[in-house]
């Protein structure tokens, strides 16, 4: 099955056929790789699979012009504004309120 693989895979497994994706092919391949790695993490729940997810996230961040440090700064800023997930807060119900003067 054709798929995006890590850069050193061709030298580790030279018997296969490889090619370099062009820019238009790269983003969709990364998104498919993200789905693959997240599914593997959900199945195995190992730190190694989580590291694979992070590798794909770093590659996607680079497409947005972000370094890993830049991505971390963005995450930290959002956490400072809205909090993180360590508090384990669960939203039980979402209620939409109308403003008194809304039409």
C-alpha atoms as a PDB file:
ATOM      1  CA  UNK A   1       0.000   0.000   0.000  1.00  0.00           C
ATOM      2  CA  UNK A   2       1.513   3.379  -0.985  1.00  0.00           C
ATOM      3  CA  UNK A   3       2.002   5.703   1.967  1.00  0.00           C
ATOM      4  CA  UNK A   4       4.225   8.418   3.371  1.00  0.00           C
ATOM      5  CA  UNK A   5       7.204   6.972   5.237  1.00  0.00           C
ATOM      6  CA  UNK A   6      10.067   8.386   7.262  1.00  0.00           C
ATOM      7  CA  UNK A   7      13.063   9.782   5.353  1.00  0.00           C
ATOM      8  CA  UNK A   8      15.483   6.957   6.214  1.00  0.00           C
ATOM      9  CA  UNK A   9      13.147   4.100   5.250  1.00  0.00           C
ATOM     10  CA  UNK A  10      14.548   3.841   1.677  1.00  0.00           C
ATOM     11  CA  UNK A  11      18.070   3.212   2.997  1.00  0.00           C
ATOM     12  CA  UNK A  12      16.798   0.742   5.603  1.00  0.00           C
ATOM     13  CA  UNK A  13      14.584  -1.136   3.128  1.00  0.00           C
ATOM     14  CA  UNK A  14      16.137  -0.612  -0.327  1.00  0.00           C
ATOM     15  CA  UNK A  15      14.201  -3.402  -2.063  1.00  0.00           C
ATOM     16  CA  UNK A  16      11.062  -1.248  -2.313  1.00  0.00           C
ATOM     17  CA  UNK A  17      10.294   1.497  -4.829  1.00  0.00           C
ATOM     18  CA  UNK A  18      10.124   5.082  -3.565  1.00  0.00           C
ATOM     19  CA  UNK A  19       9.591   8.559  -4.981  1.00  0.00           C
ATOM     20  CA  UNK A  20       9.570  12.072  -3.549  1.00  0.00           C
ATOM     21  CA  UNK A  21       6.154  13.727  -3.364  1.00  0.00           C
ATOM     22  CA  UNK A  22       5.620  17.142  -4.873  1.00  0.00           C
ATOM     23  CA  UNK A  23       4.218  19.982  -2.742  1.00  0.00           C
ATOM     24  CA  UNK A  24       0.627  19.367  -3.863  1.00  0.00           C
ATOM     25  CA  UNK A  25       0.830  15.698  -2.848  1.00  0.00           C
ATOM     26  CA  UNK A  26       2.605  16.261   0.457  1.00  0.00           C
ATOM     27  CA  UNK A  27      -0.170  17.881   2.547  1.00  0.00           C
ATOM     28  CA  UNK A  28      -2.801  15.202   1.772  1.00  0.00           C
ATOM     29  CA  UNK A  29      -0.187  12.521   2.432  1.00  0.00           C
ATOM     30  CA  UNK A  30       0.594  14.091   5.805  1.00  0.00           C
ATOM     31  CA  UNK A  31      -3.100  14.222   6.704  1.00  0.00           C
ATOM     32  CA  UNK A  32      -3.478  10.536   5.802  1.00  0.00           C
ATOM     33  CA  UNK A  33      -0.344   9.775   7.852  1.00  0.00           C
ATOM     34  CA  UNK A  34      -1.810  11.660  10.809  1.00  0.00           C
ATOM     35  CA  UNK A  35      -4.959   9.525  10.642  1.00  0.00           C
ATOM     36  CA  UNK A  36      -2.817   6.376  10.413  1.00  0.00           C
ATOM     37  CA  UNK A  37      -0.606   7.312  13.361  1.00  0.00           C
ATOM     38  CA  UNK A  38      -3.514   8.447  15.556  1.00  0.00           C
ATOM     39  CA  UNK A  39      -5.302   5.167  14.871  1.00  0.00           C
ATOM     40  CA  UNK A  40      -2.152   3.235  15.755  1.00  0.00           C
ATOM     41  CA  UNK A  41      -1.866   5.198  18.998  1.00  0.00           C
ATOM     42  CA  UNK A  42      -5.530   4.585  19.837  1.00  0.00           C
ATOM     43  CA  UNK A  43      -4.991   0.876  19.246  1.00  0.00           C
ATOM     44  CA  UNK A  44      -1.601   0.392  20.928  1.00  0.00           C
ATOM     45  CA  UNK A  45      -1.502   3.346  23.364  1.00  0.00           C
ATOM     46  CA  UNK A  46       2.291   3.315  23.503  1.00  0.00           C
ATOM     47  CA  UNK A  47       4.642   6.285  23.865  1.00  0.00           C
ATOM     48  CA  UNK A  48       6.321   5.222  20.587  1.00  0.00           C
ATOM     49  CA  UNK A  49       3.064   5.621  18.666  1.00  0.00           C
ATOM     50  CA  UNK A  50       2.456   8.954  20.389  1.00  0.00           C
ATOM     51  CA  UNK A  51       5.914  10.065  19.236  1.00  0.00           C
ATOM     52  CA  UNK A  52       4.920   9.126  15.674  1.00  0.00           C
ATOM     53  CA  UNK A  53       1.855  11.377  15.975  1.00  0.00           C
ATOM     54  CA  UNK A  54       4.113  14.201  17.159  1.00  0.00           C
ATOM     55  CA  UNK A  55       6.444  13.664  14.185  1.00  0.00           C
ATOM     56  CA  UNK A  56       3.520  14.169  11.793  1.00  0.00           C
ATOM     57  CA  UNK A  57       2.338  17.214  13.752  1.00  0.00           C
ATOM     58  CA  UNK A  58       5.799  18.770  13.445  1.00  0.00           C
ATOM     59  CA  UNK A  59       5.747  18.187   9.674  1.00  0.00           C
ATOM     60  CA  UNK A  60       2.278  19.743   9.399  1.00  0.00           C
ATOM     61  CA  UNK A  61       3.384  22.693  11.528  1.00  0.00           C
ATOM     62  CA  UNK A  62       6.306  23.242   9.136  1.00  0.00           C
ATOM     63  CA  UNK A  63       3.804  23.612   6.293  1.00  0.00           C
ATOM     64  CA  UNK A  64       2.342  26.513   8.295  1.00  0.00           C
ATOM     65  CA  UNK A  65       5.798  27.996   8.746  1.00  0.00           C
ATOM     66  CA  UNK A  66       6.058  26.897  12.377  1.00  0.00           C
ATOM     67  CA  UNK A  67       9.054  25.269  14.019  1.00  0.00           C
ATOM     68  CA  UNK A  68       8.440  22.796  16.851  1.00  0.00           C
ATOM     69  CA  UNK A  69       9.217  25.669  19.270  1.00  0.00           C
ATOM     70  CA  UNK A  70       6.784  27.918  17.424  1.00  0.00           C
ATOM     71  CA  UNK A  71       4.078  25.276  17.634  1.00  0.00           C
ATOM     72  CA  UNK A  72       4.770  24.871  21.348  1.00  0.00           C
ATOM     73  CA  UNK A  73       4.545  28.661  21.833  1.00  0.00           C
ATOM     74  CA  UNK A  74       1.170  28.680  20.086  1.00  0.00           C
ATOM     75  CA  UNK A  75      -0.030  25.780  22.252  1.00  0.00           C
ATOM     76  CA  UNK A  76       1.195  27.522  25.410  1.00  0.00           C
ATOM     77  CA  UNK A  77      -0.511  30.786  24.454  1.00  0.00           C
ATOM     78  CA  UNK A  78      -3.826  28.991  23.905  1.00  0.00           C
ATOM     79  CA  UNK A  79      -3.376  27.144  27.212  1.00  0.00           C
ATOM     80  CA  UNK A  80      -2.746  30.445  28.997  1.00  0.00           C
ATOM     81  CA  UNK A  81      -5.903  31.927  27.463  1.00  0.00           C
ATOM     82  CA  UNK A  82      -8.271  28.959  27.815  1.00  0.00           C
ATOM     83  CA  UNK A  83      -6.441  26.477  30.025  1.00  0.00           C
ATOM     84  CA  UNK A  84      -5.116  23.049  29.177  1.00  0.00           C
ATOM     85  CA  UNK A  85      -6.576  19.588  29.621  1.00  0.00           C
ATOM     86  CA  UNK A  86      -4.861  18.536  32.857  1.00  0.00           C
ATOM     87  CA  UNK A  87      -7.899  19.552  34.910  1.00  0.00           C
ATOM     88  CA  UNK A  88      -9.945  16.753  33.277  1.00  0.00           C
ATOM     89  CA  UNK A  89     -12.999  19.030  32.909  1.00  0.00           C
ATOM     90  CA  UNK A  90     -15.857  17.282  31.072  1.00  0.00           C
ATOM     91  CA  UNK A  91     -18.662  19.260  29.394  1.00  0.00           C
ATOM     92  CA  UNK A  92     -21.887  17.413  30.163  1.00  0.00           C
ATOM     93  CA  UNK A  93     -24.299  19.578  28.262  1.00  0.00           C
ATOM     94  CA  UNK A  94     -24.055  22.430  25.816  1.00  0.00           C
ATOM     95  CA  UNK A  95     -26.808  25.020  26.181  1.00  0.00           C
ATOM     96  CA  UNK A  96     -27.162  27.810  23.663  1.00  0.00           C
ATOM     97  CA  UNK A  97     -28.433  30.998  25.273  1.00  0.00           C
ATOM     98  CA  UNK A  98     -30.023  33.769  23.292  1.00  0.00           C
ATOM     99  CA  UNK A  99     -28.956  37.262  24.138  1.00  0.00           C
ATOM    100  CA  UNK A 100     -31.909  39.328  25.453  1.00  0.00           C
ATOM    101  CA  UNK A 101     -31.790  41.735  22.512  1.00  0.00           C
ATOM    102  CA  UNK A 102     -30.999  39.111  19.849  1.00  0.00           C
ATOM    103  CA  UNK A 103     -33.506  38.711  17.058  1.00  0.00           C
END
